[in-house]
Amino acid sequence: MNNFIPYESSGSEKKSKKANKGIICDVRNCVYHDGVGKCMAGQISIGPSYATSSRDTVCATFRPKTL
């Protein structure tokens, strides 16, 4: 079970002008998704620190697109 609580946004997260090389993202409803599978976030936060498998992890950088 994943009990990770993502960090609170400080409002300072920025979109990068270029995609993060090597980062593949399928989450199309994230503001940082470029529409073709790349992440445009200025930095990425993944957690939690106690994860023991990929099933235990979560992208704390995720921010939903507003419609």
PDB file of N, CA and C in Angstrom:
ATOM      1  N   MET A   1       0.840  -1.188   0.000  1.00  0.00           N
ATOM      2  CA  MET A   1       0.000   0.000   0.000  1.00  0.00           C
ATOM      3  C   MET A   1       0.877   1.241   0.000  1.00  0.00           C
ATOM      4  N   ASN A   2       0.463   2.237  -0.729  1.00  0.00           N
ATOM      5  CA  ASN A   2       1.255   3.453  -0.852  1.00  0.00           C
ATOM      6  C   ASN A   2       0.724   4.518   0.102  1.00  0.00           C
ATOM      7  N   ASN A   3       1.509   4.866   1.117  1.00  0.00           N
ATOM      8  CA  ASN A   3       1.120   5.881   2.098  1.00  0.00           C
ATOM      9  C   ASN A   3       1.874   7.181   1.906  1.00  0.00           C
ATOM     10  N   PHE A   4       2.493   7.347   0.751  1.00  0.00           N
ATOM     11  CA  PHE A   4       3.295   8.543   0.481  1.00  0.00           C
ATOM     12  C   PHE A   4       2.392   9.753   0.349  1.00  0.00           C
ATOM     13  N   ILE A   5       2.725  10.812   1.050  1.00  0.00           N
ATOM     14  CA  ILE A   5       1.986  12.072   0.950  1.00  0.00           C
ATOM     15  C   ILE A   5       2.854  13.037   0.158  1.00  0.00           C
ATOM     16  N   PRO A   6       2.425  13.424  -1.057  1.00  0.00           N
ATOM     17  CA  PRO A   6       3.240  14.336  -1.860  1.00  0.00           C
ATOM     18  C   PRO A   6       3.469  15.662  -1.151  1.00  0.00           C
ATOM     19  N   TYR A   7       4.583  16.284  -1.461  1.00  0.00           N
ATOM     20  CA  TYR A   7       4.899  17.576  -0.859  1.00  0.00           C
ATOM     21  C   TYR A   7       3.885  18.618  -1.304  1.00  0.00           C
ATOM     22  N   GLU A   8       3.707  19.633  -0.519  1.00  0.00           N
ATOM     23  CA  GLU A   8       2.788  20.714  -0.870  1.00  0.00           C
ATOM     24  C   GLU A   8       3.465  21.648  -1.858  1.00  0.00           C
ATOM     25  N   SER A   9       2.739  22.052  -2.854  1.00  0.00           N
ATOM     26  CA  SER A   9       3.258  22.954  -3.863  1.00  0.00           C
ATOM     27  C   SER A   9       3.547  24.320  -3.248  1.00  0.00           C
ATOM     28  N   SER A  10       4.710  24.848  -3.569  1.00  0.00           N
ATOM     29  CA  SER A  10       5.053  26.199  -3.116  1.00  0.00           C
ATOM     30  C   SER A  10       4.650  27.222  -4.165  1.00  0.00           C
ATOM     31  N   GLY A  11       4.157  26.722  -5.314  1.00  0.00           N
ATOM     32  CA  GLY A  11       3.804  27.607  -6.404  1.00  0.00           C
ATOM     33  C   GLY A  11       5.001  28.000  -7.247  1.00  0.00           C
ATOM     34  N   SER A  12       6.182  27.486  -6.900  1.00  0.00           N
ATOM     35  CA  SER A  12       7.386  27.873  -7.618  1.00  0.00           C
ATOM     36  C   SER A  12       7.802  26.853  -8.679  1.00  0.00           C
ATOM     37  N   GLU A  13       7.012  25.784  -8.853  1.00  0.00           N
ATOM     38  CA  GLU A  13       7.353  24.804  -9.863  1.00  0.00           C
ATOM     39  C   GLU A  13       7.281  25.449 -11.238  1.00  0.00           C
ATOM     40  N   LYS A  14       8.244  25.150 -12.070  1.00  0.00           N
ATOM     41  CA  LYS A  14       8.325  25.756 -13.397  1.00  0.00           C
ATOM     42  C   LYS A  14       8.325  24.678 -14.463  1.00  0.00           C
ATOM     43  N   LYS A  15       7.762  25.024 -15.617  1.00  0.00           N
ATOM     44  CA  LYS A  15       7.892  24.174 -16.787  1.00  0.00           C
ATOM     45  C   LYS A  15       9.229  24.488 -17.425  1.00  0.00           C
ATOM     46  N   SER A  16       9.923  23.450 -17.799  1.00  0.00           N
ATOM     47  CA  SER A  16      11.192  23.605 -18.493  1.00  0.00           C
ATOM     48  C   SER A  16      10.915  23.914 -19.959  1.00  0.00           C
ATOM     49  N   LYS A  17      11.862  24.556 -20.633  1.00  0.00           N
ATOM     50  CA  LYS A  17      11.716  24.827 -22.059  1.00  0.00           C
ATOM     51  C   LYS A  17      12.029  23.594 -22.884  1.00  0.00           C
ATOM     52  N   LYS A  18      12.637  22.593 -22.251  1.00  0.00           N
ATOM     53  CA  LYS A  18      12.920  21.348 -22.952  1.00  0.00           C
ATOM     54  C   LYS A  18      12.549  20.176 -22.063  1.00  0.00           C
ATOM     55  N   ALA A  19      12.282  19.055 -22.694  1.00  0.00           N
ATOM     56  CA  ALA A  19      11.877  17.850 -21.974  1.00  0.00           C
ATOM     57  C   ALA A  19      13.042  17.286 -21.176  1.00  0.00           C
ATOM     58  N   ASN A  20      12.716  16.622 -20.075  1.00  0.00           N
ATOM     59  CA  ASN A  20      13.720  15.924 -19.279  1.00  0.00           C
ATOM     60  C   ASN A  20      14.156  14.680 -20.054  1.00  0.00           C
ATOM     61  N   LYS A  21      15.377  14.676 -20.506  1.00  0.00           N
ATOM     62  CA  LYS A  21      15.891  13.572 -21.308  1.00  0.00           C
ATOM     63  C   LYS A  21      15.845  12.270 -20.512  1.00  0.00           C
ATOM     64  N   GLY A  22      15.304  11.249 -21.122  1.00  0.00           N
ATOM     65  CA  GLY A  22      15.254   9.935 -20.493  1.00  0.00           C
ATOM     66  C   GLY A  22      14.047   9.712 -19.601  1.00  0.00           C
ATOM     67  N   ILE A  23      13.237  10.744 -19.360  1.00  0.00           N
ATOM     68  CA  ILE A  23      12.039  10.601 -18.539  1.00  0.00           C
ATOM     69  C   ILE A  23      10.848  10.392 -19.458  1.00  0.00           C
ATOM     70  N   ILE A  24      10.164   9.274 -19.297  1.00  0.00           N
ATOM     71  CA  ILE A  24       8.972   8.974 -20.075  1.00  0.00           C
ATOM     72  C   ILE A  24       7.774   9.095 -19.159  1.00  0.00           C
ATOM     73  N   CYS A  25       6.762   9.821 -19.603  1.00  0.00           N
ATOM     74  CA  CYS A  25       5.573  10.042 -18.789  1.00  0.00           C
ATOM     75  C   CYS A  25       4.320   9.739 -19.605  1.00  0.00           C
ATOM     76  N   ASP A  26       3.447   8.901 -19.067  1.00  0.00           N
ATOM     77  CA  ASP A  26       2.181   8.556 -19.720  1.00  0.00           C
ATOM     78  C   ASP A  26       1.003   9.309 -19.123  1.00  0.00           C
ATOM     79  N   VAL A  27       1.240  10.181 -18.158  1.00  0.00           N
ATOM     80  CA  VAL A  27       0.166  10.857 -17.438  1.00  0.00           C
ATOM     81  C   VAL A  27      -0.242  12.122 -18.198  1.00  0.00           C
ATOM     82  N   ARG A  28      -1.138  11.961 -19.149  1.00  0.00           N
ATOM     83  CA  ARG A  28      -1.523  13.055 -20.040  1.00  0.00           C
ATOM     84  C   ARG A  28      -2.279  14.176 -19.341  1.00  0.00           C
ATOM     85  N   ASN A  29      -2.832  13.921 -18.160  1.00  0.00           N
ATOM     86  CA  ASN A  29      -3.574  14.967 -17.452  1.00  0.00           C
ATOM     87  C   ASN A  29      -2.691  15.743 -16.471  1.00  0.00           C
ATOM     88  N   CYS A  30      -1.374  15.642 -16.623  1.00  0.00           N
ATOM     89  CA  CYS A  30      -0.428  16.409 -15.805  1.00  0.00           C
ATOM     90  C   CYS A  30      -0.024  17.667 -16.570  1.00  0.00           C
ATOM     91  N   VAL A  31       0.092  18.792 -15.876  1.00  0.00           N
ATOM     92  CA  VAL A  31       0.474  20.039 -16.532  1.00  0.00           C
ATOM     93  C   VAL A  31       1.860  19.970 -17.168  1.00  0.00           C
ATOM     94  N   TYR A  32       2.707  19.065 -16.725  1.00  0.00           N
ATOM     95  CA  TYR A  32       4.062  18.948 -17.238  1.00  0.00           C
ATOM     96  C   TYR A  32       4.190  17.988 -18.417  1.00  0.00           C
ATOM     97  N   HIS A  33       3.127  17.270 -18.764  1.00  0.00           N
ATOM     98  CA  HIS A  33       3.150  16.334 -19.892  1.00  0.00           C
ATOM     99  C   HIS A  33       3.155  17.135 -21.193  1.00  0.00           C
ATOM    100  N   ASP A  34       4.060  16.795 -22.113  1.00  0.00           N
ATOM    101  CA  ASP A  34       4.195  17.569 -23.350  1.00  0.00           C
ATOM    102  C   ASP A  34       3.269  17.111 -24.474  1.00  0.00           C
ATOM    103  N   GLY A  35       2.440  16.128 -24.223  1.00  0.00           N
ATOM    104  CA  GLY A  35       1.515  15.642 -25.239  1.00  0.00           C
ATOM    105  C   GLY A  35       2.013  14.434 -26.013  1.00  0.00           C
ATOM    106  N   VAL A  36       3.298  14.129 -25.917  1.00  0.00           N
ATOM    107  CA  VAL A  36       3.842  12.973 -26.634  1.00  0.00           C
ATOM    108  C   VAL A  36       4.624  12.012 -25.729  1.00  0.00           C
ATOM    109  N   GLY A  37       4.581  12.222 -24.420  1.00  0.00           N
ATOM    110  CA  GLY A  37       5.212  11.275 -23.505  1.00  0.00           C
ATOM    111  C   GLY A  37       6.454  11.764 -22.790  1.00  0.00           C
ATOM    112  N   LYS A  38       6.730  13.042 -22.856  1.00  0.00           N
ATOM    113  CA  LYS A  38       7.894  13.600 -22.161  1.00  0.00           C
ATOM    114  C   LYS A  38       7.446  14.516 -21.029  1.00  0.00           C
ATOM    115  N   CYS A  39       8.321  14.660 -20.017  1.00  0.00           N
ATOM    116  CA  CYS A  39       8.037  15.513 -18.864  1.00  0.00           C
ATOM    117  C   CYS A  39       8.753  16.845 -19.029  1.00  0.00           C
ATOM    118  N   MET A  40       8.000  17.931 -18.851  1.00  0.00           N
ATOM    119  CA  MET A  40       8.541  19.274 -19.016  1.00  0.00           C
ATOM    120  C   MET A  40       8.756  19.997 -17.680  1.00  0.00           C
ATOM    121  N   ALA A  41       8.690  19.275 -16.574  1.00  0.00           N
ATOM    122  CA  ALA A  41       8.898  19.893 -15.265  1.00  0.00           C
ATOM    123  C   ALA A  41      10.353  20.319 -15.109  1.00  0.00           C
ATOM    124  N   GLY A  42      10.559  21.431 -14.437  1.00  0.00           N
ATOM    125  CA  GLY A  42      11.911  21.924 -14.181  1.00  0.00           C
ATOM    126  C   GLY A  42      12.716  20.988 -13.296  1.00  0.00           C
ATOM    127  N   GLN A  43      12.035  20.273 -12.416  1.00  0.00           N
ATOM    128  CA  GLN A  43      12.655  19.240 -11.597  1.00  0.00           C
ATOM    129  C   GLN A  43      11.585  18.218 -11.259  1.00  0.00           C
ATOM    130  N   ILE A  44      12.000  17.012 -10.914  1.00  0.00           N
ATOM    131  CA  ILE A  44      11.069  15.925 -10.636  1.00  0.00           C
ATOM    132  C   ILE A  44      11.323  15.411  -9.234  1.00  0.00           C
ATOM    133  N   SER A  45      10.244  15.171  -8.499  1.00  0.00           N
ATOM    134  CA  SER A  45      10.344  14.617  -7.153  1.00  0.00           C
ATOM    135  C   SER A  45       9.594  13.285  -7.143  1.00  0.00           C
ATOM    136  N   ILE A  46      10.318  12.221  -6.793  1.00  0.00           N
ATOM    137  CA  ILE A  46       9.748  10.874  -6.713  1.00  0.00           C
ATOM    138  C   ILE A  46       9.953  10.372  -5.291  1.00  0.00           C
ATOM    139  N   GLY A  47       8.997   9.683  -4.771  1.00  0.00           N
ATOM    140  CA  GLY A  47       9.121   9.154  -3.417  1.00  0.00           C
ATOM    141  C   GLY A  47       8.169   7.997  -3.245  1.00  0.00           C
ATOM    142  N   PRO A  48       8.043   7.509  -2.077  1.00  0.00           N
ATOM    143  CA  PRO A  48       8.670   7.901  -0.816  1.00  0.00           C
ATOM    144  C   PRO A  48      10.024   7.230  -0.626  1.00  0.00           C
ATOM    145  N   SER A  49      10.756   7.682   0.362  1.00  0.00           N
ATOM    146  CA  SER A  49      12.104   7.165   0.598  1.00  0.00           C
ATOM    147  C   SER A  49      12.100   5.708   1.055  1.00  0.00           C
ATOM    148  N   TYR A  50      10.990   5.226   1.579  1.00  0.00           N
ATOM    149  CA  TYR A  50      10.937   3.841   2.077  1.00  0.00           C
ATOM    150  C   TYR A  50      10.463   2.847   1.017  1.00  0.00           C
ATOM    151  N   ALA A  51      10.326   3.258  -0.230  1.00  0.00           N
ATOM    152  CA  ALA A  51       9.858   2.367  -1.294  1.00  0.00           C
ATOM    153  C   ALA A  51      10.788   1.173  -1.455  1.00  0.00           C
ATOM    154  N   THR A  52      10.198   0.032  -1.692  1.00  0.00           N
ATOM    155  CA  THR A  52      10.988  -1.180  -1.928  1.00  0.00           C
ATOM    156  C   THR A  52      10.738  -1.765  -3.314  1.00  0.00           C
ATOM    157  N   SER A  53       9.787  -1.194  -4.060  1.00  0.00           N
ATOM    158  CA  SER A  53       9.535  -1.611  -5.441  1.00  0.00           C
ATOM    159  C   SER A  53       8.903  -0.445  -6.192  1.00  0.00           C
ATOM    160  N   SER A  54       8.818  -0.551  -7.507  1.00  0.00           N
ATOM    161  CA  SER A  54       8.221   0.523  -8.293  1.00  0.00           C
ATOM    162  C   SER A  54       6.754   0.735  -7.936  1.00  0.00           C
ATOM    163  N   ARG A  55       6.084  -0.294  -7.457  1.00  0.00           N
ATOM    164  CA  ARG A  55       4.682  -0.169  -7.037  1.00  0.00           C
ATOM    165  C   ARG A  55       4.525   0.754  -5.835  1.00  0.00           C
ATOM    166  N   ASP A  56       5.583   0.947  -5.080  1.00  0.00           N
ATOM    167  CA  ASP A  56       5.545   1.788  -3.885  1.00  0.00           C
ATOM    168  C   ASP A  56       5.821   3.260  -4.187  1.00  0.00           C
ATOM    169  N   THR A  57       6.171   3.586  -5.416  1.00  0.00           N
ATOM    170  CA  THR A  57       6.591   4.953  -5.730  1.00  0.00           C
ATOM    171  C   THR A  57       5.473   5.785  -6.341  1.00  0.00           C
ATOM    172  N   VAL A  58       5.673   7.095  -6.285  1.00  0.00           N
ATOM    173  CA  VAL A  58       4.719   8.040  -6.845  1.00  0.00           C
ATOM    174  C   VAL A  58       5.480   9.292  -7.281  1.00  0.00           C
ATOM    175  N   CYS A  59       5.003   9.926  -8.344  1.00  0.00           N
ATOM    176  CA  CYS A  59       5.600  11.181  -8.806  1.00  0.00           C
ATOM    177  C   CYS A  59       4.949  12.317  -8.027  1.00  0.00           C
ATOM    178  N   ALA A  60       5.684  12.906  -7.109  1.00  0.00           N
ATOM    179  CA  ALA A  60       5.156  13.996  -6.290  1.00  0.00           C
ATOM    180  C   ALA A  60       5.137  15.316  -7.058  1.00  0.00           C
ATOM    181  N   THR A  61       5.716  15.338  -8.239  1.00  0.00           N
ATOM    182  CA  THR A  61       5.727  16.534  -9.070  1.00  0.00           C
ATOM    183  C   THR A  61       4.394  16.706  -9.805  1.00  0.00           C
ATOM    184  N   PHE A  62       3.634  15.626  -9.937  1.00  0.00           N
ATOM    185  CA  PHE A  62       2.369  15.657 -10.682  1.00  0.00           C
ATOM    186  C   PHE A  62       1.461  16.804 -10.214  1.00  0.00           C
ATOM    187  N   ARG A  63       0.970  17.549 -11.183  1.00  0.00           N
ATOM    188  CA  ARG A  63      -0.048  18.585 -10.963  1.00  0.00           C
ATOM    189  C   ARG A  63      -1.097  18.422 -12.048  1.00  0.00           C
ATOM    190  N   PRO A  64      -2.365  18.284 -11.684  1.00  0.00           N
ATOM    191  CA  PRO A  64      -3.398  18.063 -12.708  1.00  0.00           C
ATOM    192  C   PRO A  64      -3.612  19.304 -13.570  1.00  0.00           C
ATOM    193  N   LYS A  65      -3.902  19.042 -14.844  1.00  0.00           N
ATOM    194  CA  LYS A  65      -4.263  20.137 -15.753  1.00  0.00           C
ATOM    195  C   LYS A  65      -5.637  20.645 -15.357  1.00  0.00           C
ATOM    196  N   THR A  66      -5.828  21.928 -15.414  1.00  0.00           N
ATOM    197  CA  THR A  66      -7.154  22.480 -15.167  1.00  0.00           C
ATOM    198  C   THR A  66      -7.872  22.591 -16.492  1.00  0.00           C
ATOM    199  N   LEU A  67      -9.128  22.254 -16.481  1.00  0.00           N
ATOM    200  CA  LEU A  67      -9.914  22.276 -17.726  1.00  0.00           C
ATOM    201  C   LEU A  67     -10.615  23.572 -17.932  1.00  0.00           C
TER     202      LEU A  67
END
